[in-house]
C-alpha atoms as a PDB file:
ATOM      1  CA  MET A   1       2.628   7.918 -11.421  1.00  0.00           C
ATOM      2  CA  LYS A   2       2.324   8.408  -8.139  1.00  0.00           C
ATOM      3  CA  LEU A   3      -0.280   5.879  -6.144  1.00  0.00           C
ATOM      4  CA  LYS A   4      -1.900   5.748  -2.780  1.00  0.00           C
ATOM      5  CA  TYR A   5      -1.803   2.596  -1.137  1.00  0.00           C
ATOM      6  CA  VAL A   6      -3.065   0.989   2.131  1.00  0.00           C
ATOM      7  CA  ILE A   7      -1.737  -2.938   3.437  1.00  0.00           C
ATOM      8  CA  VAL A   8      -4.570  -4.920   4.852  1.00  0.00           C
ATOM      9  CA  ASP A   9      -4.230  -7.566   7.334  1.00  0.00           C
ATOM     10  CA  GLN A  10      -6.213 -10.360   6.269  1.00  0.00           C
ATOM     11  CA  GLY A  11      -5.096 -12.250   9.191  1.00  0.00           C
ATOM     12  CA  TYR A  12      -3.199 -15.295   6.943  1.00  0.00           C
ATOM     13  CA  ALA A  13      -0.878 -12.263   4.570  1.00  0.00           C
ATOM     14  CA  GLU A  14      -0.768  -8.604   4.648  1.00  0.00           C
ATOM     15  CA  VAL A  15      -2.518  -8.002   1.487  1.00  0.00           C
ATOM     16  CA  PRO A  16      -1.446  -4.080  -0.256  1.00  0.00           C
ATOM     17  CA  ILE A  17      -4.483  -2.475  -2.188  1.00  0.00           C
ATOM     18  CA  LEU A  18      -3.325   0.396  -4.538  1.00  0.00           C
ATOM     19  CA  PHE A  19      -5.657   3.060  -5.675  1.00  0.00           C
ATOM     20  CA  PRO A  20      -5.336   6.579  -7.231  1.00  0.00           C
ATOM     21  CA  GLU A  21      -4.596   9.755  -5.995  1.00  0.00           C
ATOM     22  CA  PHE A  22      -8.598  11.577  -6.155  1.00  0.00           C
ATOM     23  CA  LEU A  23      -9.380   8.631  -3.819  1.00  0.00           C
ATOM     24  CA  THR A  24      -9.003   9.129   0.173  1.00  0.00           C
ATOM     25  CA  HIS A  25      -7.304   6.436   2.375  1.00  0.00           C
ATOM     26  CA  ALA A  26      -9.914   6.341   4.388  1.00  0.00           C
ATOM     27  CA  GLU A  27     -12.176   6.275   1.606  1.00  0.00           C
ATOM     28  CA  VAL A  28     -10.902   2.294   0.786  1.00  0.00           C
ATOM     29  CA  ALA A  29     -10.074   1.038   3.958  1.00  0.00           C
ATOM     30  CA  SER A  30     -13.829   1.464   4.355  1.00  0.00           C
ATOM     31  CA  TRP A  31     -14.456  -1.124   1.939  1.00  0.00           C
ATOM     32  CA  TYR A  32     -12.163  -3.589   4.125  1.00  0.00           C
ATOM     33  CA  ARG A  33     -13.286  -5.222   7.236  1.00  0.00           C
ATOM     34  CA  ASN A  34      -9.717  -6.412   8.128  1.00  0.00           C
ATOM     35  CA  LYS A  35      -7.299  -4.265   9.974  1.00  0.00           C
ATOM     36  CA  ILE A  36      -5.285  -1.488   8.055  1.00  0.00           C
ATOM     37  CA  VAL A  37      -1.294  -1.632   8.934  1.00  0.00           C
ATOM     38  CA  SER A  38      -0.097   1.030   7.260  1.00  0.00           C
ATOM     39  CA  GLY A  39      -0.433   3.386   4.562  1.00  0.00           C
ATOM     40  CA  GLY A  40       0.476   5.694   2.404  1.00  0.00           C
ATOM     41  CA  PHE A  41       2.043   7.013  -1.029  1.00  0.00           C
ATOM     42  CA  CYS A  42       3.967   4.735  -3.281  1.00  0.00           C
ATOM     43  CA  TYR A  43       5.157   5.113  -6.942  1.00  0.00           C
ATOM     44  CA  PHE A  44       7.255   2.696  -9.768  1.00  0.00           C
ATOM     45  CA  ASP A  45      10.376   3.278 -10.684  1.00  0.00           C
ATOM     46  CA  SER A  46      11.668   0.787 -13.224  1.00  0.00           C
ATOM     47  CA  GLU A  47      11.661  -3.087 -11.041  1.00  0.00           C
ATOM     48  CA  GLU A  48      10.213  -1.920  -8.069  1.00  0.00           C
ATOM     49  CA  TYR A  49       7.688  -0.026  -5.898  1.00  0.00           C
ATOM     50  CA  SER A  50       8.775   2.542  -3.196  1.00  0.00           C
ATOM     51  CA  CYS A  51       6.368   3.753  -0.516  1.00  0.00           C
ATOM     52  CA  TYR A  52       6.918   6.870   2.083  1.00  0.00           C
ATOM     53  CA  GLY A  53       4.571   8.888   3.649  1.00  0.00           C
ATOM     54  CA  GLU A  54       1.559   8.398   5.543  1.00  0.00           C
ATOM     55  CA  SER A  55      -2.280   8.803   5.497  1.00  0.00           C
ATOM     56  CA  ILE A  56      -3.494  11.608   7.713  1.00  0.00           C
ATOM     57  CA  SER A  57      -6.975  10.114   7.670  1.00  0.00           C
ATOM     58  CA  LEU A  58      -6.104   7.014   9.011  1.00  0.00           C
ATOM     59  CA  LYS A  59      -3.245   8.329  10.718  1.00  0.00           C
ATOM     60  CA  VAL A  60      -1.032   5.313   9.953  1.00  0.00           C
ATOM     61  CA  GLN A  61       2.622   5.734   8.526  1.00  0.00           C
ATOM     62  CA  SER A  62       4.576   3.778   5.340  1.00  0.00           C
ATOM     63  CA  ARG A  63       6.481   1.038   6.724  1.00  0.00           C
ATOM     64  CA  GLY A  64       8.793   2.203   4.117  1.00  0.00           C
ATOM     65  CA  GLU A  65      11.186  -0.566   2.523  1.00  0.00           C
ATOM     66  CA  GLU A  66       8.618  -3.256   3.818  1.00  0.00           C
ATOM     67  CA  ASP A  67       5.909  -2.257   2.666  1.00  0.00           C
ATOM     68  CA  SER A  68       8.142  -1.543  -1.062  1.00  0.00           C
ATOM     69  CA  LYS A  69       8.834  -5.440  -0.411  1.00  0.00           C
ATOM     70  CA  ILE A  70       5.251  -6.175  -0.162  1.00  0.00           C
ATOM     71  CA  LEU A  71       3.536  -4.128  -3.443  1.00  0.00           C
ATOM     72  CA  THR A  72       6.813  -5.660  -5.449  1.00  0.00           C
ATOM     73  CA  LYS A  73       6.304  -8.808  -4.911  1.00  0.00           C
ATOM     74  CA  CYS A  74       2.455  -8.788  -5.353  1.00  0.00           C
ATOM     75  CA  PHE A  75       2.471  -6.267  -8.358  1.00  0.00           C
ATOM     76  CA  VAL A  76       5.818  -6.961 -10.136  1.00  0.00           C
ATOM     77  CA  HIS A  77       6.256 -10.547 -12.341  1.00  0.00           C
ATOM     78  CA  GLN A  78       9.270 -11.678 -11.026  1.00  0.00           C
ATOM     79  CA  GLU A  79      10.568 -14.939 -13.085  1.00  0.00           C
ATOM     80  CA  SER A  80      11.888 -18.101 -11.806  1.00  0.00           C
END
């Protein structure tokens, strides 16, 4: 399933926000006061997220592999 995402800079960490395609990146970004550092589209493929594309409404691009690592770390349970 394809989703949209933004990465929000909280000052102490970059936090990913996932949301459905019917919402715009700008709409979701308006709910946060912090800086949006990247955004685009993503999908989950067996064990990790893959990020790509851009947000036209926010004029930011996906950082590809860097964003994919953040989403995977935050949303995929990894056993120690």
